Each structure stands twice: as C-alpha cells, then as structure tokens.
C-alpha cells in the first residue's frame, strides 16, 4: 500500500514455474480510508473487494469496481 497516495496494487502470478507476475489493478482506497481512523487493507474478499480494518469496532468491505462501501459491526471479534 502506498500510504502517501492511498493506492494498493493487485498482482497476479501468471506462471509459477516462470515466476511471472502481472499487475491486474491499481486501486484508490481513499474513500474507504476516510470512513474511520487508521483504516488499512487486510485482505481481498474476492477479485473486486478489499477487506479493510483499523482501531475501530467494524470492518469495511470496499468494492473498487462499483466503489460501494459496506460496513460490518464487530462485537467481541464476531460479525453482527
């Protein structure tokens, strides 16, 4: 993640034997980062959605194709 610009890149390994990687996306996550303090990407939920979290009681699912943001409340480490 480029903290200065709020971009992440998704790279896909095309050939394990040749160790070939291709950049699939560059994603601007500024909209999702603005939803809470210290938000950062945690994982990819699927090919279009980034799971983001921080020092808050919820996680954010950010679909970078549609720019849709969904928030999920966490209670004691369990989704509600």
Protein backbone atom coordinates (compact mmCIF):
# COMPACT_ATOMS: atom_id res chain seq x y z
CA UNK A 1 0.00 0.00 0.00
CA UNK A 2 1.26 3.47 -0.87
CA UNK A 3 0.30 5.45 2.26
CA UNK A 4 1.05 8.81 0.65
CA UNK A 5 -1.41 8.28 -2.20
CA UNK A 6 -3.81 5.72 -0.67
CA UNK A 7 -3.40 3.24 -3.50
CA UNK A 8 -2.89 -0.53 -3.41
CA UNK A 9 -1.90 -2.80 -6.26
CA UNK A 10 -3.21 -6.29 -7.01
CA UNK A 11 -0.64 -8.56 -8.65
CA UNK A 12 -1.46 -12.00 -10.05
CA UNK A 13 1.03 -14.79 -10.60
CA UNK A 14 0.52 -15.95 -14.18
CA UNK A 15 3.15 -18.70 -14.14
CA UNK A 16 4.55 -20.29 -11.01
CA UNK A 17 7.33 -22.04 -12.95
CA UNK A 18 8.46 -18.88 -14.74
CA UNK A 19 7.65 -16.71 -11.70
CA UNK A 20 5.76 -14.28 -13.90
CA UNK A 21 3.66 -11.64 -12.18
CA UNK A 22 1.30 -9.17 -13.84
CA UNK A 23 -0.26 -6.14 -12.23
CA UNK A 24 -4.02 -6.58 -12.52
CA UNK A 25 -5.29 -3.44 -10.73
CA UNK A 26 -4.21 -0.26 -9.06
CA UNK A 27 -6.93 0.63 -6.57
CA UNK A 28 -7.62 4.01 -4.99
CA UNK A 29 -8.86 3.28 -1.46
CA UNK A 30 -9.18 6.90 -0.28
CA UNK A 31 -12.97 6.68 0.05
CA UNK A 32 -12.75 3.67 2.35
CA UNK A 33 -9.88 5.10 4.41
CA UNK A 34 -11.97 8.20 5.07
CA UNK A 35 -14.59 6.07 6.88
CA UNK A 36 -12.51 5.51 10.01
CA UNK A 37 -9.22 6.20 11.76
CA UNK A 38 -6.19 4.13 10.81
CA UNK A 39 -8.02 2.07 8.18
CA UNK A 40 -5.81 -0.22 6.14
CA UNK A 41 -6.31 -3.16 3.76
CA UNK A 42 -6.36 -6.57 5.46
CA UNK A 43 -7.21 -8.97 2.63
CA UNK A 44 -9.07 -9.41 -0.62
CA UNK A 45 -12.58 -10.81 -0.12
CA UNK A 46 -12.85 -11.56 -3.85
CA UNK A 47 -11.34 -10.14 -7.05
CA UNK A 48 -13.20 -6.83 -6.68
CA UNK A 49 -13.48 -6.34 -2.91
CA UNK A 50 -10.92 -5.28 -0.30
CA UNK A 51 -11.50 -6.03 3.40
CA UNK A 52 -10.28 -3.10 5.50
CA UNK A 53 -9.93 -2.66 9.24
CA UNK A 54 -8.37 -0.46 11.88
CA UNK A 55 -8.68 0.52 15.53
CA UNK A 56 -12.47 0.51 15.38
CA UNK A 57 -15.32 -1.91 16.08
CA UNK A 58 -16.17 -2.62 12.44
CA UNK A 59 -14.60 -3.69 9.16
CA UNK A 60 -15.20 -2.24 5.73
CA UNK A 61 -15.80 -4.16 2.51
CA UNK A 62 -14.81 -1.86 -0.34
CA UNK A 63 -15.76 -2.93 -3.86
CA UNK A 64 -13.36 -0.97 -6.03
CA UNK A 65 -15.22 -1.75 -9.26
CA UNK A 66 -18.51 -0.23 -8.10
CA UNK A 67 -16.98 1.97 -5.33
CA UNK A 68 -19.61 0.55 -2.94
CA UNK A 69 -18.69 0.53 0.75
CA UNK A 70 -20.29 -1.88 3.23
CA UNK A 71 -19.60 -1.76 6.94
CA UNK A 72 -19.87 -4.76 9.27
CA UNK A 73 -20.05 -4.28 13.05
CA UNK A 74 -17.75 -6.40 15.23
CA UNK A 75 -18.65 -7.42 18.79
CA UNK A 76 -16.06 -9.43 20.70
CA UNK A 77 -14.46 -10.48 17.42
CA UNK A 78 -17.74 -11.74 15.89
CA UNK A 79 -19.54 -10.22 12.89
CA UNK A 80 -23.08 -8.92 13.50
